[in-house]
Amino acid sequence: MAIFLFHDHGWDPLLMERVASQPAYFIGALGSCRTHAARFDTLRSRGVRQEAPERIVSPLGLIPSARDPATLALPALSQIVDA
């Protein structure tokens, strides 16, 4: 399992590329649908196989647009347990 809870777009591609190629049962990341689409495009341009970025669940959590840790924690954990 891997959860990305930061918005450092400089590190995202490298770390996600490595994690997406591993057999993790859940990979989640903060970010909007637009951020996730850009992340997907970046990973594809780096040569990551099609199915690897598709494994990344984003936006993370069962409550849309949750931003503060208290509001995000339980919905994110619920989504992980559901997986």
N, C-alpha and C. Protein backbone atom coordinates (compact mmCIF):
# COMPACT_ATOMS: atom_id res chain seq x y z
N MET A 1 0.84 -1.16 0.00
CA MET A 1 0.00 0.00 0.00
C MET A 1 0.89 1.23 0.00
N ALA A 2 0.49 2.21 -0.76
CA ALA A 2 1.20 3.49 -0.79
C ALA A 2 0.17 4.60 -0.91
N ILE A 3 0.36 5.64 -0.10
CA ILE A 3 -0.53 6.80 -0.12
C ILE A 3 0.34 8.04 -0.27
N PHE A 4 0.04 8.84 -1.26
CA PHE A 4 0.76 10.09 -1.49
C PHE A 4 -0.08 11.23 -0.94
N LEU A 5 0.43 11.86 0.13
CA LEU A 5 -0.33 12.91 0.82
C LEU A 5 0.37 14.25 0.73
N PHE A 6 1.08 14.48 -0.33
CA PHE A 6 1.76 15.76 -0.50
C PHE A 6 1.56 16.24 -1.93
N HIS A 7 1.87 17.50 -2.13
CA HIS A 7 1.67 18.10 -3.46
C HIS A 7 2.99 18.60 -4.02
N ASP A 8 4.00 17.78 -3.99
CA ASP A 8 5.29 18.17 -4.56
C ASP A 8 5.38 17.54 -5.94
N HIS A 9 4.95 18.29 -6.94
CA HIS A 9 4.86 17.73 -8.29
C HIS A 9 6.23 17.38 -8.88
N GLY A 10 7.29 17.84 -8.26
CA GLY A 10 8.62 17.46 -8.70
C GLY A 10 8.96 16.02 -8.33
N TRP A 11 8.46 15.57 -7.17
CA TRP A 11 8.73 14.20 -6.71
C TRP A 11 7.68 13.20 -7.16
N ASP A 12 6.48 13.66 -7.39
CA ASP A 12 5.38 12.75 -7.74
C ASP A 12 5.73 11.74 -8.83
N PRO A 13 6.19 12.17 -9.99
CA PRO A 13 6.41 11.19 -11.07
C PRO A 13 7.41 10.11 -10.71
N LEU A 14 8.53 10.47 -10.13
CA LEU A 14 9.55 9.48 -9.78
C LEU A 14 9.03 8.48 -8.77
N LEU A 15 8.44 8.97 -7.69
CA LEU A 15 7.94 8.07 -6.64
C LEU A 15 6.79 7.21 -7.14
N MET A 16 5.85 7.82 -7.85
CA MET A 16 4.71 7.06 -8.33
C MET A 16 5.09 6.04 -9.39
N GLU A 17 6.07 6.38 -10.20
CA GLU A 17 6.56 5.43 -11.19
C GLU A 17 7.11 4.19 -10.50
N ARG A 18 7.86 4.38 -9.44
CA ARG A 18 8.43 3.24 -8.71
C ARG A 18 7.35 2.43 -8.00
N VAL A 19 6.43 3.10 -7.35
CA VAL A 19 5.38 2.40 -6.60
C VAL A 19 4.42 1.69 -7.55
N ALA A 20 4.05 2.31 -8.64
CA ALA A 20 3.09 1.72 -9.57
C ALA A 20 3.61 0.45 -10.22
N SER A 21 4.91 0.26 -10.23
CA SER A 21 5.47 -0.96 -10.82
C SER A 21 5.59 -2.09 -9.79
N GLN A 22 5.21 -1.82 -8.54
CA GLN A 22 5.27 -2.82 -7.47
C GLN A 22 3.90 -3.45 -7.26
N PRO A 23 3.85 -4.59 -6.58
CA PRO A 23 2.56 -5.27 -6.38
C PRO A 23 1.76 -4.74 -5.19
N ALA A 24 1.71 -3.44 -4.99
CA ALA A 24 0.92 -2.86 -3.89
C ALA A 24 -0.56 -3.09 -4.16
N TYR A 25 -1.32 -3.42 -3.11
CA TYR A 25 -2.75 -3.66 -3.32
C TYR A 25 -3.55 -2.37 -3.38
N PHE A 26 -2.97 -1.24 -2.94
CA PHE A 26 -3.67 0.04 -3.03
C PHE A 26 -2.64 1.14 -3.17
N ILE A 27 -2.86 2.02 -4.14
CA ILE A 27 -2.03 3.20 -4.32
C ILE A 27 -3.00 4.38 -4.44
N GLY A 28 -2.85 5.34 -3.55
CA GLY A 28 -3.75 6.49 -3.55
C GLY A 28 -2.96 7.78 -3.54
N ALA A 29 -3.58 8.84 -4.02
CA ALA A 29 -2.90 10.14 -4.07
C ALA A 29 -3.90 11.27 -3.91
N LEU A 30 -3.48 12.29 -3.17
CA LEU A 30 -4.27 13.51 -3.09
C LEU A 30 -4.26 14.20 -4.44
N GLY A 31 -5.24 15.03 -4.65
CA GLY A 31 -5.27 15.82 -5.87
C GLY A 31 -6.61 15.75 -6.55
N SER A 32 -6.87 16.74 -7.33
CA SER A 32 -8.13 16.82 -8.08
C SER A 32 -8.10 15.86 -9.27
N CYS A 33 -9.23 15.75 -9.93
CA CYS A 33 -9.28 14.94 -11.16
C CYS A 33 -8.34 15.51 -12.21
N ARG A 34 -8.25 16.85 -12.28
CA ARG A 34 -7.35 17.49 -13.24
C ARG A 34 -5.89 17.19 -12.90
N THR A 35 -5.55 17.24 -11.62
CA THR A 35 -4.19 16.91 -11.19
C THR A 35 -3.86 15.47 -11.53
N HIS A 36 -4.82 14.58 -11.31
CA HIS A 36 -4.59 13.16 -11.60
C HIS A 36 -4.41 12.93 -13.09
N ALA A 37 -5.18 13.63 -13.91
CA ALA A 37 -5.03 13.49 -15.37
C ALA A 37 -3.64 13.95 -15.80
N ALA A 38 -3.17 15.05 -15.23
CA ALA A 38 -1.82 15.54 -15.55
C ALA A 38 -0.76 14.54 -15.06
N ARG A 39 -0.99 13.98 -13.89
CA ARG A 39 -0.07 12.97 -13.33
C ARG A 39 -0.02 11.76 -14.26
N PHE A 40 -1.17 11.32 -14.73
CA PHE A 40 -1.25 10.18 -15.64
C PHE A 40 -0.47 10.47 -16.92
N ASP A 41 -0.67 11.66 -17.49
CA ASP A 41 0.05 12.04 -18.72
C ASP A 41 1.55 12.08 -18.50
N THR A 42 1.98 12.59 -17.35
CA THR A 42 3.40 12.65 -17.04
C THR A 42 3.99 11.25 -16.93
N LEU A 43 3.29 10.37 -16.25
CA LEU A 43 3.80 8.99 -16.11
C LEU A 43 3.87 8.29 -17.46
N ARG A 44 2.87 8.50 -18.29
CA ARG A 44 2.89 7.89 -19.63
C ARG A 44 4.05 8.43 -20.45
N SER A 45 4.33 9.73 -20.34
CA SER A 45 5.43 10.33 -21.10
C SER A 45 6.79 9.83 -20.61
N ARG A 46 6.82 9.35 -19.38
CA ARG A 46 8.05 8.78 -18.83
C ARG A 46 8.21 7.30 -19.19
N GLY A 47 7.26 6.77 -19.95
CA GLY A 47 7.37 5.39 -20.42
C GLY A 47 6.75 4.36 -19.49
N VAL A 48 5.96 4.80 -18.52
CA VAL A 48 5.31 3.87 -17.61
C VAL A 48 4.19 3.15 -18.36
N ARG A 49 4.10 1.84 -18.17
CA ARG A 49 3.08 1.04 -18.86
C ARG A 49 1.68 1.59 -18.58
N GLN A 50 0.77 1.44 -19.49
CA GLN A 50 -0.61 1.97 -19.41
C GLN A 50 -1.29 1.56 -18.11
N GLU A 51 -1.17 0.31 -17.72
CA GLU A 51 -1.92 -0.17 -16.56
C GLU A 51 -1.36 0.33 -15.22
N ALA A 52 -0.10 0.72 -15.19
CA ALA A 52 0.49 1.17 -13.93
C ALA A 52 -0.15 2.45 -13.40
N PRO A 53 -0.26 3.54 -14.17
CA PRO A 53 -0.92 4.73 -13.64
C PRO A 53 -2.40 4.52 -13.35
N GLU A 54 -3.03 3.60 -14.05
CA GLU A 54 -4.44 3.33 -13.82
C GLU A 54 -4.69 2.72 -12.45
N ARG A 55 -3.67 2.19 -11.82
CA ARG A 55 -3.80 1.61 -10.48
C ARG A 55 -3.85 2.69 -9.39
N ILE A 56 -3.48 3.92 -9.71
CA ILE A 56 -3.43 4.98 -8.72
C ILE A 56 -4.84 5.56 -8.53
N VAL A 57 -5.34 5.46 -7.32
CA VAL A 57 -6.66 5.98 -6.98
C VAL A 57 -6.52 7.46 -6.63
N SER A 58 -7.22 8.29 -7.36
CA SER A 58 -7.19 9.72 -7.09
C SER A 58 -8.42 10.33 -7.73
N PRO A 59 -9.07 11.24 -7.08
CA PRO A 59 -8.79 11.79 -5.77
C PRO A 59 -8.98 10.75 -4.66
N LEU A 60 -8.20 10.89 -3.64
CA LEU A 60 -8.20 9.96 -2.51
C LEU A 60 -9.33 10.29 -1.56
N GLY A 61 -10.00 9.27 -1.05
CA GLY A 61 -11.04 9.45 -0.04
C GLY A 61 -12.44 9.39 -0.62
N LEU A 62 -13.38 9.02 0.23
CA LEU A 62 -14.76 8.87 -0.20
C LEU A 62 -15.56 10.17 -0.12
N ILE A 63 -14.97 11.22 0.47
CA ILE A 63 -15.62 12.53 0.51
C ILE A 63 -14.90 13.40 -0.51
N PRO A 64 -15.59 13.83 -1.56
CA PRO A 64 -14.94 14.65 -2.58
C PRO A 64 -14.42 15.97 -2.03
N SER A 65 -13.29 16.38 -2.47
CA SER A 65 -12.68 17.67 -2.15
C SER A 65 -12.36 17.88 -0.68
N ALA A 66 -12.15 16.81 0.07
CA ALA A 66 -11.72 16.95 1.46
C ALA A 66 -10.30 17.49 1.45
N ARG A 67 -10.04 18.51 2.25
CA ARG A 67 -8.73 19.15 2.22
C ARG A 67 -7.98 19.08 3.54
N ASP A 68 -8.70 19.15 4.65
CA ASP A 68 -7.98 19.15 5.92
C ASP A 68 -7.81 17.71 6.42
N PRO A 69 -6.74 17.45 7.19
CA PRO A 69 -6.44 16.08 7.62
C PRO A 69 -7.57 15.39 8.35
N ALA A 70 -8.28 16.09 9.22
CA ALA A 70 -9.35 15.46 9.99
C ALA A 70 -10.49 15.00 9.08
N THR A 71 -10.78 15.75 8.05
CA THR A 71 -11.85 15.38 7.12
C THR A 71 -11.40 14.32 6.14
N LEU A 72 -10.14 14.25 5.85
CA LEU A 72 -9.62 13.30 4.86
C LEU A 72 -9.28 11.93 5.45
N ALA A 73 -8.87 11.88 6.70
CA ALA A 73 -8.35 10.64 7.28
C ALA A 73 -9.32 9.46 7.21
N LEU A 74 -10.49 9.60 7.76
CA LEU A 74 -11.44 8.49 7.80
C LEU A 74 -11.94 8.11 6.41
N PRO A 75 -12.30 9.07 5.55
CA PRO A 75 -12.70 8.67 4.19
C PRO A 75 -11.59 7.97 3.40
N ALA A 76 -10.34 8.40 3.62
CA ALA A 76 -9.22 7.73 2.94
C ALA A 76 -9.05 6.31 3.47
N LEU A 77 -9.10 6.16 4.79
CA LEU A 77 -8.97 4.83 5.38
C LEU A 77 -10.12 3.92 4.94
N SER A 78 -11.32 4.47 4.86
CA SER A 78 -12.47 3.69 4.39
C SER A 78 -12.26 3.20 2.97
N GLN A 79 -11.71 4.04 2.14
CA GLN A 79 -11.46 3.67 0.74
C GLN A 79 -10.40 2.56 0.66
N ILE A 80 -9.39 2.63 1.51
CA ILE A 80 -8.35 1.59 1.55
C ILE A 80 -8.94 0.27 2.00
N VAL A 81 -9.74 0.30 3.07
CA VAL A 81 -10.38 -0.93 3.57
C VAL A 81 -11.30 -1.52 2.52
N ASP A 82 -12.02 -0.67 1.81
CA ASP A 82 -12.91 -1.13 0.75
C ASP A 82 -12.15 -1.86 -0.34
N ALA A 83 -10.94 -1.41 -0.63
CA ALA A 83 -10.13 -2.05 -1.67
C ALA A 83 -9.68 -3.42 -1.24
